[in-house]
mmCIF file of all heavy atoms, coordinates in Angstrom:
data_MODEL
# 
_entry.id   MODEL 
# 
loop_
_atom_site.group_PDB 
_atom_site.id 
_atom_site.type_symbol 
_atom_site.label_atom_id 
_atom_site.label_alt_id 
_atom_site.label_comp_id 
_atom_site.label_asym_id 
_atom_site.label_entity_id 
_atom_site.label_seq_id 
_atom_site.pdbx_PDB_ins_code 
_atom_site.Cartn_x 
_atom_site.Cartn_y 
_atom_site.Cartn_z 
_atom_site.occupancy 
_atom_site.B_iso_or_equiv 
_atom_site.pdbx_formal_charge 
_atom_site.auth_seq_id 
_atom_site.auth_comp_id 
_atom_site.auth_asym_id 
_atom_site.auth_atom_id 
_atom_site.pdbx_PDB_model_num 
ATOM 1   N N   . ALA A 1 1  ? 11.453  -5.926  7.112  1.00 0.00 ? 1  ALA A N   1 
ATOM 2   C CA  . ALA A 1 1  ? 11.135  -5.049  5.982  1.00 0.00 ? 1  ALA A CA  1 
ATOM 3   C C   . ALA A 1 1  ? 9.739   -5.368  5.496  1.00 0.00 ? 1  ALA A C   1 
ATOM 4   O O   . ALA A 1 1  ? 9.386   -6.528  5.303  1.00 0.00 ? 1  ALA A O   1 
ATOM 5   C CB  . ALA A 1 1  ? 12.146  -5.256  4.854  1.00 0.00 ? 1  ALA A CB  1 
ATOM 6   N N   . TYR A 1 2  ? 8.939   -4.347  5.265  1.00 0.00 ? 2  TYR A N   1 
ATOM 7   C CA  . TYR A 1 2  ? 7.589   -4.520  4.764  1.00 0.00 ? 2  TYR A CA  1 
ATOM 8   C C   . TYR A 1 2  ? 7.465   -3.784  3.435  1.00 0.00 ? 2  TYR A C   1 
ATOM 9   O O   . TYR A 1 2  ? 7.161   -2.585  3.403  1.00 0.00 ? 2  TYR A O   1 
ATOM 10  C CB  . TYR A 1 2  ? 6.556   -3.978  5.763  1.00 0.00 ? 2  TYR A CB  1 
ATOM 11  C CG  . TYR A 1 2  ? 6.605   -4.617  7.114  1.00 0.00 ? 2  TYR A CG  1 
ATOM 12  C CD1 . TYR A 1 2  ? 7.023   -3.902  8.229  1.00 0.00 ? 2  TYR A CD1 1 
ATOM 13  C CD2 . TYR A 1 2  ? 6.256   -5.962  7.269  1.00 0.00 ? 2  TYR A CD2 1 
ATOM 14  C CE1 . TYR A 1 2  ? 7.066   -4.498  9.473  1.00 0.00 ? 2  TYR A CE1 1 
ATOM 15  C CE2 . TYR A 1 2  ? 6.309   -6.562  8.513  1.00 0.00 ? 2  TYR A CE2 1 
ATOM 16  C CZ  . TYR A 1 2  ? 6.709   -5.828  9.622  1.00 0.00 ? 2  TYR A CZ  1 
ATOM 17  O OH  . TYR A 1 2  ? 6.759   -6.420  10.845 1.00 0.00 ? 2  TYR A OH  1 
ATOM 18  N N   . PRO A 1 3  ? 7.738   -4.438  2.305  1.00 0.00 ? 3  PRO A N   1 
ATOM 19  C CA  . PRO A 1 3  ? 7.633   -3.761  1.013  1.00 0.00 ? 3  PRO A CA  1 
ATOM 20  C C   . PRO A 1 3  ? 6.250   -3.178  0.793  1.00 0.00 ? 3  PRO A C   1 
ATOM 21  O O   . PRO A 1 3  ? 5.240   -3.814  1.102  1.00 0.00 ? 3  PRO A O   1 
ATOM 22  C CB  . PRO A 1 3  ? 7.926   -4.889  0.004  1.00 0.00 ? 3  PRO A CB  1 
ATOM 23  C CG  . PRO A 1 3  ? 8.686   -5.906  0.798  1.00 0.00 ? 3  PRO A CG  1 
ATOM 24  C CD  . PRO A 1 3  ? 8.160   -5.838  2.191  1.00 0.00 ? 3  PRO A CD  1 
ATOM 25  N N   . ALA A 1 4  ? 6.190   -1.969  0.259  1.00 0.00 ? 4  ALA A N   1 
ATOM 26  C CA  . ALA A 1 4  ? 4.907   -1.307  0.045  1.00 0.00 ? 4  ALA A CA  1 
ATOM 27  C C   . ALA A 1 4  ? 4.004   -2.103  -0.879 1.00 0.00 ? 4  ALA A C   1 
ATOM 28  O O   . ALA A 1 4  ? 2.780   -2.057  -0.781 1.00 0.00 ? 4  ALA A O   1 
ATOM 29  C CB  . ALA A 1 4  ? 5.135   0.092   -0.528 1.00 0.00 ? 4  ALA A CB  1 
ATOM 30  N N   . ALA A 1 5  ? 4.611   -2.862  -1.812 1.00 0.00 ? 5  ALA A N   1 
ATOM 31  C CA  . ALA A 1 5  ? 3.811   -3.634  -2.767 1.00 0.00 ? 5  ALA A CA  1 
ATOM 32  C C   . ALA A 1 5  ? 3.121   -4.814  -2.103 1.00 0.00 ? 5  ALA A C   1 
ATOM 33  O O   . ALA A 1 5  ? 2.194   -5.388  -2.647 1.00 0.00 ? 5  ALA A O   1 
ATOM 34  C CB  . ALA A 1 5  ? 4.703   -4.141  -3.906 1.00 0.00 ? 5  ALA A CB  1 
ATOM 35  N N   . VAL A 1 6  ? 3.585   -5.190  -0.909 1.00 0.00 ? 6  VAL A N   1 
ATOM 36  C CA  . VAL A 1 6  ? 3.036   -6.364  -0.245 1.00 0.00 ? 6  VAL A CA  1 
ATOM 37  C C   . VAL A 1 6  ? 2.205   -6.000  0.973  1.00 0.00 ? 6  VAL A C   1 
ATOM 38  O O   . VAL A 1 6  ? 1.184   -6.601  1.238  1.00 0.00 ? 6  VAL A O   1 
ATOM 39  C CB  . VAL A 1 6  ? 4.176   -7.320  0.169  1.00 0.00 ? 6  VAL A CB  1 
ATOM 40  C CG1 . VAL A 1 6  ? 3.643   -8.488  0.965  1.00 0.00 ? 6  VAL A CG1 1 
ATOM 41  C CG2 . VAL A 1 6  ? 4.911   -7.809  -1.067 1.00 0.00 ? 6  VAL A CG2 1 
ATOM 42  N N   . MET A 1 7  ? 2.613   -4.996  1.716  1.00 0.00 ? 7  MET A N   1 
ATOM 43  C CA  . MET A 1 7  ? 1.895   -4.657  2.937  1.00 0.00 ? 7  MET A CA  1 
ATOM 44  C C   . MET A 1 7  ? 1.892   -3.154  3.134  1.00 0.00 ? 7  MET A C   1 
ATOM 45  O O   . MET A 1 7  ? 2.931   -2.513  3.055  1.00 0.00 ? 7  MET A O   1 
ATOM 46  C CB  . MET A 1 7  ? 2.541   -5.342  4.140  1.00 0.00 ? 7  MET A CB  1 
ATOM 47  C CG  . MET A 1 7  ? 1.896   -4.961  5.472  1.00 0.00 ? 7  MET A CG  1 
ATOM 48  S SD  . MET A 1 7  ? 2.728   -5.733  6.856  1.00 0.00 ? 7  MET A SD  1 
ATOM 49  C CE  . MET A 1 7  ? 2.264   -7.417  6.606  1.00 0.00 ? 7  MET A CE  1 
ATOM 50  N N   . SER A 1 8  ? 0.734   -2.602  3.372  1.00 0.00 ? 8  SER A N   1 
ATOM 51  C CA  . SER A 1 8  ? 0.639   -1.170  3.633  1.00 0.00 ? 8  SER A CA  1 
ATOM 52  C C   . SER A 1 8  ? 0.775   -0.916  5.122  1.00 0.00 ? 8  SER A C   1 
ATOM 53  O O   . SER A 1 8  ? 0.535   -1.804  5.934  1.00 0.00 ? 8  SER A O   1 
ATOM 54  C CB  . SER A 1 8  ? -0.726  -0.653  3.151  1.00 0.00 ? 8  SER A CB  1 
ATOM 55  O OG  . SER A 1 8  ? -1.767  -1.237  3.916  1.00 0.00 ? 8  SER A OG  1 
ATOM 56  N N   . PRO A 1 9  ? 1.169   0.310   5.545  1.00 0.00 ? 9  PRO A N   1 
ATOM 57  C CA  . PRO A 1 9  ? 1.273   0.597   6.979  1.00 0.00 ? 9  PRO A CA  1 
ATOM 58  C C   . PRO A 1 9  ? -0.017  0.347   7.739  1.00 0.00 ? 9  PRO A C   1 
ATOM 59  O O   . PRO A 1 9  ? 0.003   -0.120  8.870  1.00 0.00 ? 9  PRO A O   1 
ATOM 60  C CB  . PRO A 1 9  ? 1.648   2.089   6.981  1.00 0.00 ? 9  PRO A CB  1 
ATOM 61  C CG  . PRO A 1 9  ? 2.316   2.312   5.670  1.00 0.00 ? 9  PRO A CG  1 
ATOM 62  C CD  . PRO A 1 9  ? 1.597   1.406   4.707  1.00 0.00 ? 9  PRO A CD  1 
ATOM 63  N N   . SER A 1 10 ? -1.162  0.640   7.130  1.00 0.00 ? 10 SER A N   1 
ATOM 64  C CA  . SER A 1 10 ? -2.431  0.426   7.825  1.00 0.00 ? 10 SER A CA  1 
ATOM 65  C C   . SER A 1 10 ? -2.674  -1.052  8.068  1.00 0.00 ? 10 SER A C   1 
ATOM 66  O O   . SER A 1 10 ? -3.192  -1.454  9.107  1.00 0.00 ? 10 SER A O   1 
ATOM 67  C CB  . SER A 1 10 ? -3.589  1.005   7.006  1.00 0.00 ? 10 SER A CB  1 
ATOM 68  O OG  . SER A 1 10 ? -3.660  0.382   5.730  1.00 0.00 ? 10 SER A OG  1 
ATOM 69  N N   . ASP A 1 11 ? -2.286  -1.902  7.118  1.00 0.00 ? 11 ASP A N   1 
ATOM 70  C CA  . ASP A 1 11 ? -2.450  -3.345  7.290  1.00 0.00 ? 11 ASP A CA  1 
ATOM 71  C C   . ASP A 1 11 ? -1.555  -3.834  8.411  1.00 0.00 ? 11 ASP A C   1 
ATOM 72  O O   . ASP A 1 11 ? -1.920  -4.690  9.197  1.00 0.00 ? 11 ASP A O   1 
ATOM 73  C CB  . ASP A 1 11 ? -2.125  -4.072  5.980  1.00 0.00 ? 11 ASP A CB  1 
ATOM 74  C CG  . ASP A 1 11 ? -2.450  -5.557  6.060  1.00 0.00 ? 11 ASP A CG  1 
ATOM 75  O OD1 . ASP A 1 11 ? -3.452  -5.896  6.700  1.00 0.00 ? 11 ASP A OD1 1 
ATOM 76  O OD2 . ASP A 1 11 ? -1.697  -6.347  5.486  1.00 0.00 ? 11 ASP A OD2 1 
ATOM 77  N N   . THR A 1 12 ? -0.333  -3.305  8.486  1.00 0.00 ? 12 THR A N   1 
ATOM 78  C CA  . THR A 1 12 ? 0.597   -3.691  9.551  1.00 0.00 ? 12 THR A CA  1 
ATOM 79  C C   . THR A 1 12 ? 0.022   -3.330  10.901 1.00 0.00 ? 12 THR A C   1 
ATOM 80  O O   . THR A 1 12 ? 0.042   -4.122  11.851 1.00 0.00 ? 12 THR A O   1 
ATOM 81  C CB  . THR A 1 12 ? 1.942   -2.983  9.357  1.00 0.00 ? 12 THR A CB  1 
ATOM 82  O OG1 . THR A 1 12 ? 2.432   -3.261  8.064  1.00 0.00 ? 12 THR A OG1 1 
ATOM 83  C CG2 . THR A 1 12 ? 2.942   -3.438  10.393 1.00 0.00 ? 12 THR A CG2 1 
ATOM 84  N N   . ALA A 1 13 ? -0.512  -2.117  11.033 1.00 0.00 ? 13 ALA A N   1 
ATOM 85  C CA  . ALA A 1 13 ? -1.053  -1.682  12.310 1.00 0.00 ? 13 ALA A CA  1 
ATOM 86  C C   . ALA A 1 13 ? -2.236  -2.534  12.736 1.00 0.00 ? 13 ALA A C   1 
ATOM 87  O O   . ALA A 1 13 ? -2.359  -2.932  13.890 1.00 0.00 ? 13 ALA A O   1 
ATOM 88  C CB  . ALA A 1 13 ? -1.478  -0.220  12.214 1.00 0.00 ? 13 ALA A CB  1 
ATOM 89  N N   . ALA A 1 14 ? -3.113  -2.856  11.779 1.00 0.00 ? 14 ALA A N   1 
ATOM 90  C CA  . ALA A 1 14 ? -4.286  -3.649  12.116 1.00 0.00 ? 14 ALA A CA  1 
ATOM 91  C C   . ALA A 1 14 ? -3.898  -5.040  12.581 1.00 0.00 ? 14 ALA A C   1 
ATOM 92  O O   . ALA A 1 14 ? -4.471  -5.575  13.525 1.00 0.00 ? 14 ALA A O   1 
ATOM 93  C CB  . ALA A 1 14 ? -5.214  -3.742  10.904 1.00 0.00 ? 14 ALA A CB  1 
ATOM 94  N N   . SER A 1 15 ? -2.899  -5.636  11.943 1.00 0.00 ? 15 SER A N   1 
ATOM 95  C CA  . SER A 1 15 ? -2.528  -7.009  12.271 1.00 0.00 ? 15 SER A CA  1 
ATOM 96  C C   . SER A 1 15 ? -1.834  -7.100  13.617 1.00 0.00 ? 15 SER A C   1 
ATOM 97  O O   . SER A 1 15 ? -1.842  -8.148  14.241 1.00 0.00 ? 15 SER A O   1 
ATOM 98  C CB  . SER A 1 15 ? -1.610  -7.567  11.182 1.00 0.00 ? 15 SER A CB  1 
ATOM 99  O OG  . SER A 1 15 ? -0.396  -6.847  11.146 1.00 0.00 ? 15 SER A OG  1 
ATOM 100 N N   . THR A 1 16 ? -1.227  -6.016  14.097 1.00 0.00 ? 16 THR A N   1 
ATOM 101 C CA  . THR A 1 16 ? -0.521  -6.087  15.364 1.00 0.00 ? 16 THR A CA  1 
ATOM 102 C C   . THR A 1 16 ? -1.400  -5.694  16.545 1.00 0.00 ? 16 THR A C   1 
ATOM 103 O O   . THR A 1 16 ? -0.974  -5.805  17.686 1.00 0.00 ? 16 THR A O   1 
ATOM 104 C CB  . THR A 1 16 ? 0.719   -5.167  15.341 1.00 0.00 ? 16 THR A CB  1 
ATOM 105 O OG1 . THR A 1 16 ? 0.300   -3.844  15.006 1.00 0.00 ? 16 THR A OG1 1 
ATOM 106 C CG2 . THR A 1 16 ? 1.741   -5.641  14.352 1.00 0.00 ? 16 THR A CG2 1 
ATOM 107 N N   . THR A 1 17 ? -2.631  -5.241  16.290 1.00 0.00 ? 17 THR A N   1 
ATOM 108 C CA  . THR A 1 17 ? -3.520  -4.893  17.379 1.00 0.00 ? 17 THR A CA  1 
ATOM 109 C C   . THR A 1 17 ? -4.575  -5.957  17.633 1.00 0.00 ? 17 THR A C   1 
ATOM 110 O O   . THR A 1 17 ? -5.094  -6.067  18.726 1.00 0.00 ? 17 THR A O   1 
ATOM 111 C CB  . THR A 1 17 ? -4.242  -3.551  17.088 1.00 0.00 ? 17 THR A CB  1 
ATOM 112 O OG1 . THR A 1 17 ? -4.912  -3.653  15.826 1.00 0.00 ? 17 THR A OG1 1 
ATOM 113 C CG2 . THR A 1 17 ? -3.251  -2.406  17.051 1.00 0.00 ? 17 THR A CG2 1 
ATOM 114 N N   . ASN A 1 18 ? -4.889  -6.754  16.625 1.00 0.00 ? 18 ASN A N   1 
ATOM 115 C CA  . ASN A 1 18 ? -5.913  -7.770  16.808 1.00 0.00 ? 18 ASN A CA  1 
ATOM 116 C C   . ASN A 1 18 ? -5.715  -8.875  15.791 1.00 0.00 ? 18 ASN A C   1 
ATOM 117 O O   . ASN A 1 18 ? -6.051  -8.718  14.635 1.00 0.00 ? 18 ASN A O   1 
ATOM 118 C CB  . ASN A 1 18 ? -7.312  -7.156  16.642 1.00 0.00 ? 18 ASN A CB  1 
ATOM 119 C CG  . ASN A 1 18 ? -8.395  -8.083  17.176 1.00 0.00 ? 18 ASN A CG  1 
ATOM 120 O OD1 . ASN A 1 18 ? -8.177  -9.264  17.357 1.00 0.00 ? 18 ASN A OD1 1 
ATOM 121 N ND2 . ASN A 1 18 ? -9.562  -7.523  17.422 1.00 0.00 ? 18 ASN A ND2 1 
ATOM 122 N N   . ALA A 1 19 ? -5.149  -9.988  16.221 1.00 0.00 ? 19 ALA A N   1 
ATOM 123 C CA  . ALA A 1 19 ? -4.827  -11.061 15.285 1.00 0.00 ? 19 ALA A CA  1 
ATOM 124 C C   . ALA A 1 19 ? -5.946  -12.074 15.153 1.00 0.00 ? 19 ALA A C   1 
ATOM 125 O O   . ALA A 1 19 ? -6.033  -12.775 14.165 1.00 0.00 ? 19 ALA A O   1 
ATOM 126 C CB  . ALA A 1 19 ? -3.552  -11.782 15.735 1.00 0.00 ? 19 ALA A CB  1 
ATOM 127 N N   . ASP A 1 20 ? -6.803  -12.186 16.156 1.00 0.00 ? 20 ASP A N   1 
ATOM 128 C CA  . ASP A 1 20 ? -7.759  -13.281 16.136 1.00 0.00 ? 20 ASP A CA  1 
ATOM 129 C C   . ASP A 1 20 ? -9.163  -12.853 16.523 1.00 0.00 ? 20 ASP A C   1 
ATOM 130 O O   . ASP A 1 20 ? -9.991  -13.680 16.861 1.00 0.00 ? 20 ASP A O   1 
ATOM 131 C CB  . ASP A 1 20 ? -7.269  -14.375 17.094 1.00 0.00 ? 20 ASP A CB  1 
ATOM 132 C CG  . ASP A 1 20 ? -7.691  -15.757 16.636 1.00 0.00 ? 20 ASP A CG  1 
ATOM 133 O OD1 . ASP A 1 20 ? -8.312  -15.852 15.570 1.00 0.00 ? 20 ASP A OD1 1 
ATOM 134 O OD2 . ASP A 1 20 ? -7.418  -16.721 17.350 1.00 0.00 ? 20 ASP A OD2 1 
ATOM 135 N N   . GLY A 1 21 ? -9.433  -11.558 16.475 1.00 0.00 ? 21 GLY A N   1 
ATOM 136 C CA  . GLY A 1 21 ? -10.770 -11.103 16.803 1.00 0.00 ? 21 GLY A CA  1 
ATOM 137 C C   . GLY A 1 21 ? -11.085 -11.173 18.278 1.00 0.00 ? 21 GLY A C   1 
ATOM 138 O O   . GLY A 1 21 ? -12.207 -10.912 18.701 1.00 0.00 ? 21 GLY A O   1 
ATOM 139 N N   . GLY A 1 22 ? -10.112 -11.522 19.142 1.00 0.00 ? 22 GLY A N   1 
ATOM 140 C CA  . GLY A 1 22 ? -10.343 -11.641 20.567 1.00 0.00 ? 22 GLY A CA  1 
ATOM 141 C C   . GLY A 1 22 ? -9.209  -11.001 21.338 1.00 0.00 ? 22 GLY A C   1 
ATOM 142 O O   . GLY A 1 22 ? -9.190  -9.797  21.574 1.00 0.00 ? 22 GLY A O   1 
ATOM 143 N N   . GLU A 1 23 ? -8.249  -11.824 21.755 1.00 0.00 ? 23 GLU A N   1 
ATOM 144 C CA  . GLU A 1 23 ? -7.095  -11.305 22.478 1.00 0.00 ? 23 GLU A CA  1 
ATOM 145 C C   . GLU A 1 23 ? -6.264  -10.378 21.590 1.00 0.00 ? 23 GLU A C   1 
ATOM 146 O O   . GLU A 1 23 ? -6.198  -10.569 20.380 1.00 0.00 ? 23 GLU A O   1 
ATOM 147 C CB  . GLU A 1 23 ? -6.202  -12.466 22.945 1.00 0.00 ? 23 GLU A CB  1 
ATOM 148 C CG  . GLU A 1 23 ? -6.859  -13.377 23.960 1.00 0.00 ? 23 GLU A CG  1 
ATOM 149 C CD  . GLU A 1 23 ? -5.926  -14.497 24.386 1.00 0.00 ? 23 GLU A CD  1 
ATOM 150 O OE1 . GLU A 1 23 ? -5.220  -15.033 23.523 1.00 0.00 ? 23 GLU A OE1 1 
ATOM 151 O OE2 . GLU A 1 23 ? -5.904  -14.828 25.580 1.00 0.00 ? 23 GLU A OE2 1 
ATOM 152 N N   . PRO A 1 24 ? -5.602  -9.390  22.191 1.00 0.00 ? 24 PRO A N   1 
ATOM 153 C CA  . PRO A 1 24 ? -4.713  -8.534  21.398 1.00 0.00 ? 24 PRO A CA  1 
ATOM 154 C C   . PRO A 1 24 ? -3.520  -9.317  20.880 1.00 0.00 ? 24 PRO A C   1 
ATOM 155 O O   . PRO A 1 24 ? -3.043  -10.241 21.535 1.00 0.00 ? 24 PRO A O   1 
ATOM 156 C CB  . PRO A 1 24 ? -4.275  -7.451  22.399 1.00 0.00 ? 24 PRO A CB  1 
ATOM 157 C CG  . PRO A 1 24 ? -4.475  -8.076  23.743 1.00 0.00 ? 24 PRO A CG  1 
ATOM 158 C CD  . PRO A 1 24 ? -5.668  -8.984  23.600 1.00 0.00 ? 24 PRO A CD  1 
# 
């Protein structure tokens, strides 16, 4: 569960495509 008050959908998408600026 990702409460809207804590994480937005755009933040979720960004974090799952590039966690460390290098490898996906």
